[in-house]
Protein backbone atom coordinates (compact mmCIF):
# COMPACT_ATOMS: atom_id res chain seq x y z
CA MET A 1 109.83 86.77 138.47
CA GLU A 2 111.00 83.32 139.56
CA ILE A 3 113.87 81.77 141.45
CA ASP A 4 114.86 78.21 142.40
CA ILE A 5 115.69 77.74 146.07
CA ASP A 6 117.47 74.71 147.50
CA ALA A 7 115.05 74.39 150.41
CA PRO A 8 111.62 72.77 150.66
CA PRO A 9 108.47 74.86 150.06
CA ASP A 10 107.38 74.72 153.72
CA ARG A 11 110.68 76.25 154.88
CA VAL A 12 110.57 78.99 152.23
CA TYR A 13 106.93 79.74 153.07
CA ALA A 14 107.71 80.00 156.80
CA LEU A 15 110.33 82.67 156.08
CA LEU A 16 108.13 84.53 153.64
CA ALA A 17 104.96 84.48 155.74
CA ASP A 18 106.81 85.83 158.79
CA ILE A 19 105.95 89.33 157.63
CA THR A 20 108.04 90.86 160.42
CA ARG A 21 111.09 89.74 158.43
CA MET A 22 110.11 91.38 155.11
CA GLY A 23 112.62 94.15 155.86
CA ASP A 24 115.35 91.48 155.74
CA TRP A 25 114.47 90.57 152.15
CA SER A 26 113.18 93.76 150.51
CA PRO A 27 115.44 96.69 149.58
CA GLU A 28 112.51 99.12 149.91
CA CYS A 29 110.49 97.77 152.85
CA VAL A 30 112.16 98.63 156.14
CA ARG A 31 109.82 96.69 158.43
CA CYS A 32 106.36 95.22 158.84
CA ARG A 33 104.37 94.63 162.00
CA TRP A 34 101.13 92.79 162.58
CA ILE A 35 98.08 94.80 163.63
CA GLY A 36 95.95 93.22 166.34
CA PRO A 37 96.17 89.87 168.09
CA GLY A 38 97.41 86.70 166.48
CA GLY A 39 100.43 87.94 164.62
CA ASP A 40 100.52 85.28 161.93
CA ALA A 41 99.75 84.96 158.26
CA ARG A 42 96.13 84.04 157.71
CA PRO A 43 93.43 85.61 155.54
CA GLY A 44 92.08 88.83 157.01
CA MET A 45 95.14 89.59 159.16
CA ARG A 46 96.49 93.09 158.67
CA PHE A 47 99.96 94.54 158.94
CA ARG A 48 101.60 97.92 158.60
CA GLY A 49 104.58 98.22 156.29
CA THR A 50 107.16 100.97 156.51
CA SER A 51 109.23 101.67 153.41
CA ARG A 52 111.96 104.03 152.29
CA ASN A 53 113.74 105.16 149.18
CA GLY A 54 116.53 107.61 149.95
CA TRP A 55 114.99 110.35 152.07
CA HIS A 56 111.44 109.33 151.06
CA ARG A 57 109.60 107.42 153.79
CA TRP A 58 106.02 106.11 153.81
CA SER A 59 103.75 103.57 155.48
CA THR A 60 101.08 101.33 154.03
CA MET A 61 98.45 98.99 155.42
CA SER A 62 98.17 95.46 154.07
CA THR A 63 95.65 92.66 154.42
CA VAL A 64 96.47 88.99 153.91
CA VAL A 65 94.27 87.55 151.14
CA SER A 66 95.66 84.01 150.95
CA ALA A 67 98.04 82.09 153.19
CA GLU A 68 98.49 78.46 152.19
CA PRO A 69 101.62 77.02 153.83
CA GLY A 70 104.07 75.73 151.26
CA ARG A 71 101.90 76.97 148.36
CA GLU A 72 100.90 80.63 148.32
CA PHE A 73 101.04 83.93 150.17
CA VAL A 74 99.07 86.94 148.88
CA PHE A 75 98.36 90.36 150.37
CA ASP A 76 96.71 93.60 149.30
CA VAL A 77 98.37 96.94 150.03
CA THR A 78 96.58 100.25 150.63
CA TYR A 79 97.74 103.82 151.24
CA PHE A 80 95.27 105.97 153.16
CA ARG A 81 92.64 103.28 152.46
CA ARG A 82 93.19 103.53 148.72
CA PRO A 83 94.31 100.44 146.75
CA VAL A 84 97.97 100.29 145.80
CA ALA A 85 98.91 96.73 144.87
CA ARG A 86 98.37 93.02 145.28
CA TRP A 87 101.58 91.08 146.02
CA ARG A 88 101.63 87.34 145.25
CA TYR A 89 104.10 84.63 146.08
CA ALA A 90 103.57 81.15 144.63
CA LEU A 91 105.65 78.20 145.78
CA ARG A 92 105.91 74.80 144.16
CA PRO A 93 108.34 71.91 144.37
CA ASN A 94 111.06 72.22 141.74
CA GLY A 95 111.53 68.45 141.34
CA ARG A 96 114.94 68.46 143.05
CA GLY A 97 113.81 68.75 146.66
CA GLY A 98 113.71 72.53 146.50
CA THR A 99 111.25 75.27 145.68
CA ARG A 100 110.38 77.31 142.62
CA LEU A 101 109.28 80.66 144.10
CA THR A 102 107.44 83.16 141.92
CA GLU A 103 106.82 86.73 143.06
CA TRP A 104 104.74 89.29 141.21
CA VAL A 105 102.78 92.43 141.86
CA GLU A 106 99.56 93.77 140.39
CA ASP A 107 99.40 97.57 140.33
CA ARG A 108 96.01 98.64 141.69
CA ARG A 109 96.62 102.37 142.07
CA ASP A 110 93.84 104.69 141.03
CA ARG A 111 94.47 108.03 139.35
CA LEU A 112 94.97 109.92 142.63
CA VAL A 113 97.47 107.42 144.05
CA ARG A 114 99.33 107.27 140.72
CA THR A 115 99.63 111.06 140.85
CA VAL A 116 100.94 111.33 144.42
CA SER A 117 103.03 108.15 144.39
CA PRO A 118 106.17 109.69 142.82
CA LEU A 119 106.08 112.49 145.40
CA VAL A 120 105.70 110.05 148.29
CA THR A 121 108.09 107.31 147.13
CA GLY A 122 110.52 109.17 144.89
CA VAL A 123 109.83 106.65 142.10
CA ARG A 124 108.36 107.84 138.80
CA GLU A 125 108.17 104.46 137.06
CA ARG A 126 106.85 101.94 139.56
CA GLY A 127 107.02 98.92 137.20
CA PRO A 128 110.79 98.91 136.63
CA ARG A 129 111.39 99.75 140.32
CA ASN A 130 109.24 96.79 141.39
CA ASP A 131 111.18 94.49 139.03
CA GLU A 132 114.41 95.63 140.68
CA THR A 133 113.14 95.18 144.23
CA ILE A 134 111.57 91.79 143.43
CA ARG A 135 114.90 90.47 142.12
CA THR A 136 116.69 91.61 145.29
CA THR A 137 113.96 90.22 147.54
CA LEU A 138 114.08 86.81 145.85
CA ASP A 139 117.88 86.65 146.00
CA ARG A 140 117.92 87.53 149.72
CA LEU A 141 115.13 85.09 150.55
CA LYS A 142 116.97 82.35 148.67
CA ALA A 143 120.17 83.02 150.64
CA ALA A 144 118.29 82.91 153.96
CA ALA A 145 116.38 79.72 153.13
CA GLU A 146 119.45 77.91 151.87
CA SER A 147 121.61 78.93 154.84
CA ALA A 148 118.93 77.57 157.20
CA ALA A 149 119.14 74.15 155.50
């Protein structure tokens, strides 16, 4: 899913890569916190994400795969050390001084995680739910980036 943001790619990336703010953008993620020293987005850094959907609450562990300021931010998510998803954000200039931001997710759940996921998250169909949360995340990130301009 894509959105145009009236802010330069470096500004959008700075908001996005500050993983401690993901709870500001996502309707499902409540908060994220870095694990270990450093506390910034670079390959190999890990963070814990806490999410909720109604009364359902769960935590995941994520590892940054790619962190290229102004260009790309990618992380892999696991649940009890089992693959869940790869989240990707691609940024490029939109030709008007702003950013075209694309967000997408690759489902990496194995059979076991696919089976327990609806019980843990309260979501039977992860694809449509992800589409919904991505749209909200992009809209909120756009508002924050444009208000900072």
